[in-house]
Every structure is written in C-alpha cells, then in structure tokens.
C-alpha atoms as a PDB file:
ATOM      1  CA  UNK A   1      -0.026   0.250  -0.103  1.00  0.00           C
ATOM      2  CA  UNK A   2       1.535   3.515  -0.813  1.00  0.00           C
ATOM      3  CA  UNK A   3       2.639   5.714   1.675  1.00  0.00           C
ATOM      4  CA  UNK A   4       0.518   8.886   2.132  1.00  0.00           C
ATOM      5  CA  UNK A   5       2.631  12.378   2.222  1.00  0.00           C
ATOM      6  CA  UNK A   6       0.425  14.332   4.215  1.00  0.00           C
ATOM      7  CA  UNK A   7       1.075  18.319   5.250  1.00  0.00           C
ATOM      8  CA  UNK A   8       2.240  18.056   8.952  1.00  0.00           C
ATOM      9  CA  UNK A   9       1.160  20.501  12.140  1.00  0.00           C
ATOM     10  CA  UNK A  10       4.138  22.548  12.632  1.00  0.00           C
ATOM     11  CA  UNK A  11       3.239  25.412  14.914  1.00  0.00           C
ATOM     12  CA  UNK A  12       0.264  24.555  17.845  1.00  0.00           C
ATOM     13  CA  UNK A  13      -2.006  27.296  16.521  1.00  0.00           C
ATOM     14  CA  UNK A  14      -1.539  26.038  12.884  1.00  0.00           C
ATOM     15  CA  UNK A  15      -5.054  25.205  10.854  1.00  0.00           C
ATOM     16  CA  UNK A  16      -3.363  25.235   7.347  1.00  0.00           C
ATOM     17  CA  UNK A  17      -0.262  25.771   5.885  1.00  0.00           C
ATOM     18  CA  UNK A  18       1.383  26.082   2.480  1.00  0.00           C
ATOM     19  CA  UNK A  19       3.768  24.558   0.828  1.00  0.00           C
ATOM     20  CA  UNK A  20       6.380  26.823  -0.428  1.00  0.00           C
ATOM     21  CA  UNK A  21       8.680  24.842  -2.649  1.00  0.00           C
ATOM     22  CA  UNK A  22       8.537  21.256  -3.474  1.00  0.00           C
ATOM     23  CA  UNK A  23      11.996  19.897  -3.682  1.00  0.00           C
ATOM     24  CA  UNK A  24      11.347  16.643  -5.665  1.00  0.00           C
ATOM     25  CA  UNK A  25       9.171  15.335  -8.754  1.00  0.00           C
ATOM     26  CA  UNK A  26       6.101  13.717  -9.642  1.00  0.00           C
ATOM     27  CA  UNK A  27       7.557  10.376 -10.665  1.00  0.00           C
ATOM     28  CA  UNK A  28      11.139  10.850  -8.757  1.00  0.00           C
ATOM     29  CA  UNK A  29      12.868   8.216  -6.619  1.00  0.00           C
ATOM     30  CA  UNK A  30      13.462   9.148  -3.020  1.00  0.00           C
ATOM     31  CA  UNK A  31      14.614   7.904   0.578  1.00  0.00           C
ATOM     32  CA  UNK A  32      13.071   7.877   3.792  1.00  0.00           C
ATOM     33  CA  UNK A  33      14.515  11.237   5.226  1.00  0.00           C
ATOM     34  CA  UNK A  34      15.369  12.894   2.024  1.00  0.00           C
ATOM     35  CA  UNK A  35      13.647  16.373   1.819  1.00  0.00           C
ATOM     36  CA  UNK A  36      10.400  16.273  -0.346  1.00  0.00           C
ATOM     37  CA  UNK A  37       8.874  20.469   0.365  1.00  0.00           C
ATOM     38  CA  UNK A  38       9.433  23.193   2.206  1.00  0.00           C
ATOM     39  CA  UNK A  39       6.215  24.421   4.359  1.00  0.00           C
ATOM     40  CA  UNK A  40       5.746  28.085   5.653  1.00  0.00           C
ATOM     41  CA  UNK A  41       3.352  29.270   8.422  1.00  0.00           C
ATOM     42  CA  UNK A  42       2.967  32.385  10.204  1.00  0.00           C
ATOM     43  CA  UNK A  43       5.914  31.797  12.112  1.00  0.00           C
ATOM     44  CA  UNK A  44       8.385  29.239  10.923  1.00  0.00           C
ATOM     45  CA  UNK A  45       9.357  27.939   7.410  1.00  0.00           C
ATOM     46  CA  UNK A  46      10.513  23.847   7.902  1.00  0.00           C
ATOM     47  CA  UNK A  47      11.607  21.295   5.667  1.00  0.00           C
ATOM     48  CA  UNK A  48       9.713  18.509   5.514  1.00  0.00           C
ATOM     49  CA  UNK A  49      11.311  14.917   4.525  1.00  0.00           C
ATOM     50  CA  UNK A  50       9.857  11.625   3.204  1.00  0.00           C
ATOM     51  CA  UNK A  51       8.256   9.067   5.356  1.00  0.00           C
ATOM     52  CA  UNK A  52       8.999   5.864   3.283  1.00  0.00           C
ATOM     53  CA  UNK A  53      11.285   4.917   0.505  1.00  0.00           C
ATOM     54  CA  UNK A  54       9.759   4.679  -3.082  1.00  0.00           C
ATOM     55  CA  UNK A  55       8.323   7.239  -6.303  1.00  0.00           C
ATOM     56  CA  UNK A  56       6.777  10.092  -5.088  1.00  0.00           C
ATOM     57  CA  UNK A  57       3.695   9.945  -7.540  1.00  0.00           C
ATOM     58  CA  UNK A  58      -0.102  11.713  -7.231  1.00  0.00           C
ATOM     59  CA  UNK A  59       1.140  14.945  -6.169  1.00  0.00           C
ATOM     60  CA  UNK A  60      -1.549  17.043  -4.796  1.00  0.00           C
ATOM     61  CA  UNK A  61       0.004  19.805  -3.042  1.00  0.00           C
ATOM     62  CA  UNK A  62      -0.139  22.951  -4.659  1.00  0.00           C
ATOM     63  CA  UNK A  63       2.915  25.484  -4.131  1.00  0.00           C
ATOM     64  CA  UNK A  64       1.437  28.881  -2.322  1.00  0.00           C
ATOM     65  CA  UNK A  65      -2.085  27.222  -1.895  1.00  0.00           C
ATOM     66  CA  UNK A  66      -3.498  26.630   1.820  1.00  0.00           C
ATOM     67  CA  UNK A  67      -3.580  23.436   2.789  1.00  0.00           C
ATOM     68  CA  UNK A  68      -5.619  22.067   6.101  1.00  0.00           C
ATOM     69  CA  UNK A  69      -3.041  20.343   7.910  1.00  0.00           C
ATOM     70  CA  UNK A  70      -3.319  16.491   8.113  1.00  0.00           C
ATOM     71  CA  UNK A  71      -4.493  16.693   4.279  1.00  0.00           C
ATOM     72  CA  UNK A  72      -2.326  14.188   1.812  1.00  0.00           C
ATOM     73  CA  UNK A  73      -0.144  16.575  -1.062  1.00  0.00           C
ATOM     74  CA  UNK A  74       1.241  13.381  -2.029  1.00  0.00           C
ATOM     75  CA  UNK A  75       2.022   9.622  -1.841  1.00  0.00           C
ATOM     76  CA  UNK A  76       5.380   7.556  -2.169  1.00  0.00           C
ATOM     77  CA  UNK A  77       4.893   4.081  -3.572  1.00  0.00           C
ATOM     78  CA  UNK A  78       6.967   1.100  -3.179  1.00  0.00           C
ATOM     79  CA  UNK A  79       9.012  -0.242  -6.300  1.00  0.00           C
ATOM     80  CA  UNK A  80       6.361  -2.917  -6.189  1.00  0.00           C
ATOM     81  CA  UNK A  81       3.961  -0.737  -6.538  1.00  0.00           C
ATOM     82  CA  UNK A  82       5.154   1.136  -8.886  1.00  0.00           C
END
C-alpha cells in the first residue's frame, strides 16, 4: 500500500499551511529522510522529509495554496507498487 505524505502540524495554532517549494518532482525516486518540500506558516518555514522510500506520485499539494493540516499532498509508492 502506498505511503501517504501529509501536510504536518508544525505549530500549536496551525490549521493550514502552504508549501513554499517542492524539492522532489512527480515520478522522482526518493529515500526515507530525503527532503520533499518546505512549508511556511505565520511563524516559520520548515523542511518536510519523506516518510518512506519509493516513487513520488499523485502530487496534489500545490505551492502557495492554503492546505489543511493532515491533508494528503502526495503518495510514495514502493518499487513493487509502481
């Protein structure tokens, strides 16, 4: 089953966040711990790492758009799922 990549809560008051930049593109091979994207809140910017290794697919999180915390922004498919 693919691994869901969600927009995490990085601030106690955070309800939404914005992806300021993707470091990995759709179809890219990523390893667990690789930086996938950077999010911005009112207070900080933070890099978000890949929760698993595989191929990045179904990237739905757009840059500079408010995204609710916990919302899926992409999926990582293992080699046997691609």
